[in-house]
């Protein structure tokens, strides 16, 4: 299991908790308050920059690497769903 890093973005609709590895986003979830110690990594800074641009109307799509966690079936289901969206 890769080390996880946590960052927060205070969006107009709530606090977004972003969890990453060194290379990819694992999750982005709205939370009531900041609970983890914030990490300062290159990927977190980039994700927060892109999310900020999105909420400011300067960006429509995020260009971020995501990593899917789960068992074989779960990953296949997520990958199939992602292919439908894209």
C-alpha atoms as a PDB file:
ATOM      1  CA  UNK A   1       0.000   0.000   0.000  1.00  0.00           C
ATOM      2  CA  UNK A   2       1.340   3.400  -1.001  1.00  0.00           C
ATOM      3  CA  UNK A   3       1.678   6.225   1.472  1.00  0.00           C
ATOM      4  CA  UNK A   4      -1.351   8.540   1.458  1.00  0.00           C
ATOM      5  CA  UNK A   5      -1.347  12.333   1.547  1.00  0.00           C
ATOM      6  CA  UNK A   6      -4.259  14.592   2.510  1.00  0.00           C
ATOM      7  CA  UNK A   7      -5.136  18.131   1.487  1.00  0.00           C
ATOM      8  CA  UNK A   8      -8.224  20.331   1.732  1.00  0.00           C
ATOM      9  CA  UNK A   9      -9.878  22.799  -0.585  1.00  0.00           C
ATOM     10  CA  UNK A  10     -12.487  25.243   0.747  1.00  0.00           C
ATOM     11  CA  UNK A  11     -14.906  25.356  -2.178  1.00  0.00           C
ATOM     12  CA  UNK A  12     -18.048  27.485  -2.479  1.00  0.00           C
ATOM     13  CA  UNK A  13     -20.101  24.362  -1.656  1.00  0.00           C
ATOM     14  CA  UNK A  14     -18.047  22.945   1.213  1.00  0.00           C
ATOM     15  CA  UNK A  15     -14.699  21.566   2.308  1.00  0.00           C
ATOM     16  CA  UNK A  16     -13.248  19.066  -0.138  1.00  0.00           C
ATOM     17  CA  UNK A  17     -10.850  16.517   1.355  1.00  0.00           C
ATOM     18  CA  UNK A  18      -8.422  15.226  -1.276  1.00  0.00           C
ATOM     19  CA  UNK A  19      -6.437  12.035  -0.653  1.00  0.00           C
ATOM     20  CA  UNK A  20      -3.567  11.091  -2.965  1.00  0.00           C
ATOM     21  CA  UNK A  21      -0.556   8.868  -3.350  1.00  0.00           C
ATOM     22  CA  UNK A  22       2.637  10.429  -4.698  1.00  0.00           C
ATOM     23  CA  UNK A  23       1.282   9.981  -8.225  1.00  0.00           C
ATOM     24  CA  UNK A  24      -2.521   9.859  -8.261  1.00  0.00           C
ATOM     25  CA  UNK A  25      -5.754  10.925  -6.578  1.00  0.00           C
ATOM     26  CA  UNK A  26      -7.402   8.236  -4.461  1.00  0.00           C
ATOM     27  CA  UNK A  27     -10.477  10.195  -3.358  1.00  0.00           C
ATOM     28  CA  UNK A  28     -12.120  13.598  -3.164  1.00  0.00           C
ATOM     29  CA  UNK A  29     -14.903  13.833  -0.588  1.00  0.00           C
ATOM     30  CA  UNK A  30     -16.845  16.688   0.972  1.00  0.00           C
ATOM     31  CA  UNK A  31     -16.365  16.770   4.743  1.00  0.00           C
ATOM     32  CA  UNK A  32     -17.702  18.846   7.627  1.00  0.00           C
ATOM     33  CA  UNK A  33     -14.251  19.871   8.905  1.00  0.00           C
ATOM     34  CA  UNK A  34     -10.555  19.286   8.382  1.00  0.00           C
ATOM     35  CA  UNK A  35      -9.488  16.301  10.460  1.00  0.00           C
ATOM     36  CA  UNK A  36      -6.168  15.116   9.031  1.00  0.00           C
ATOM     37  CA  UNK A  37      -2.764  16.743   9.091  1.00  0.00           C
ATOM     38  CA  UNK A  38      -2.333  18.449   5.735  1.00  0.00           C
ATOM     39  CA  UNK A  39       0.413  17.208   3.432  1.00  0.00           C
ATOM     40  CA  UNK A  40       2.290  19.382   0.969  1.00  0.00           C
ATOM     41  CA  UNK A  41       3.032  17.381  -2.151  1.00  0.00           C
ATOM     42  CA  UNK A  42       3.311  18.312  -5.802  1.00  0.00           C
ATOM     43  CA  UNK A  43       0.200  16.346  -6.775  1.00  0.00           C
ATOM     44  CA  UNK A  44      -1.937  17.889  -4.008  1.00  0.00           C
ATOM     45  CA  UNK A  45      -0.889  21.390  -5.042  1.00  0.00           C
ATOM     46  CA  UNK A  46      -1.765  20.561  -8.667  1.00  0.00           C
ATOM     47  CA  UNK A  47      -5.147  19.026  -7.793  1.00  0.00           C
ATOM     48  CA  UNK A  48      -6.077  21.990  -5.608  1.00  0.00           C
ATOM     49  CA  UNK A  49      -4.995  24.407  -8.355  1.00  0.00           C
ATOM     50  CA  UNK A  50      -7.176  22.652 -10.930  1.00  0.00           C
ATOM     51  CA  UNK A  51     -10.170  22.381  -8.573  1.00  0.00           C
ATOM     52  CA  UNK A  52      -9.819  26.082  -7.749  1.00  0.00           C
ATOM     53  CA  UNK A  53      -9.780  26.941 -11.468  1.00  0.00           C
ATOM     54  CA  UNK A  54     -12.876  24.782 -11.943  1.00  0.00           C
ATOM     55  CA  UNK A  55     -14.827  26.576  -9.215  1.00  0.00           C
ATOM     56  CA  UNK A  56     -13.716  29.956 -10.581  1.00  0.00           C
ATOM     57  CA  UNK A  57     -15.071  29.001 -14.026  1.00  0.00           C
ATOM     58  CA  UNK A  58     -11.638  28.925 -15.664  1.00  0.00           C
ATOM     59  CA  UNK A  59     -11.628  25.154 -16.249  1.00  0.00           C
ATOM     60  CA  UNK A  60     -14.247  22.577 -17.287  1.00  0.00           C
ATOM     61  CA  UNK A  61     -12.201  19.380 -17.082  1.00  0.00           C
ATOM     62  CA  UNK A  62      -9.642  18.187 -14.556  1.00  0.00           C
ATOM     63  CA  UNK A  63      -6.456  16.646 -15.920  1.00  0.00           C
ATOM     64  CA  UNK A  64      -5.547  14.496 -12.945  1.00  0.00           C
ATOM     65  CA  UNK A  65      -4.336  10.914 -12.662  1.00  0.00           C
ATOM     66  CA  UNK A  66      -6.691   8.820 -10.511  1.00  0.00           C
ATOM     67  CA  UNK A  67      -5.986   5.491  -8.863  1.00  0.00           C
ATOM     68  CA  UNK A  68      -8.822   3.082  -8.218  1.00  0.00           C
ATOM     69  CA  UNK A  69      -8.608   1.025  -5.025  1.00  0.00           C
ATOM     70  CA  UNK A  70     -10.517  -2.199  -4.660  1.00  0.00           C
ATOM     71  CA  UNK A  71     -10.700  -5.878  -5.496  1.00  0.00           C
ATOM     72  CA  UNK A  72     -10.673  -7.276  -9.049  1.00  0.00           C
ATOM     73  CA  UNK A  73     -14.422  -7.017  -9.653  1.00  0.00           C
ATOM     74  CA  UNK A  74     -14.617  -3.531  -8.143  1.00  0.00           C
ATOM     75  CA  UNK A  75     -11.826  -2.274 -10.380  1.00  0.00           C
ATOM     76  CA  UNK A  76     -13.416  -3.814 -13.489  1.00  0.00           C
ATOM     77  CA  UNK A  77     -16.749  -2.189 -12.632  1.00  0.00           C
ATOM     78  CA  UNK A  78     -15.138   1.231 -12.081  1.00  0.00           C
ATOM     79  CA  UNK A  79     -13.115   0.959 -15.279  1.00  0.00           C
ATOM     80  CA  UNK A  80     -16.237   0.019 -17.258  1.00  0.00           C
ATOM     81  CA  UNK A  81     -18.109   2.996 -15.789  1.00  0.00           C
ATOM     82  CA  UNK A  82     -15.220   5.358 -16.482  1.00  0.00           C
ATOM     83  CA  UNK A  83     -15.104   4.234 -20.121  1.00  0.00           C
ATOM     84  CA  UNK A  84     -18.807   5.109 -20.456  1.00  0.00           C
ATOM     85  CA  UNK A  85     -18.274   8.609 -19.050  1.00  0.00           C
ATOM     86  CA  UNK A  86     -15.277   9.395 -21.232  1.00  0.00           C
END
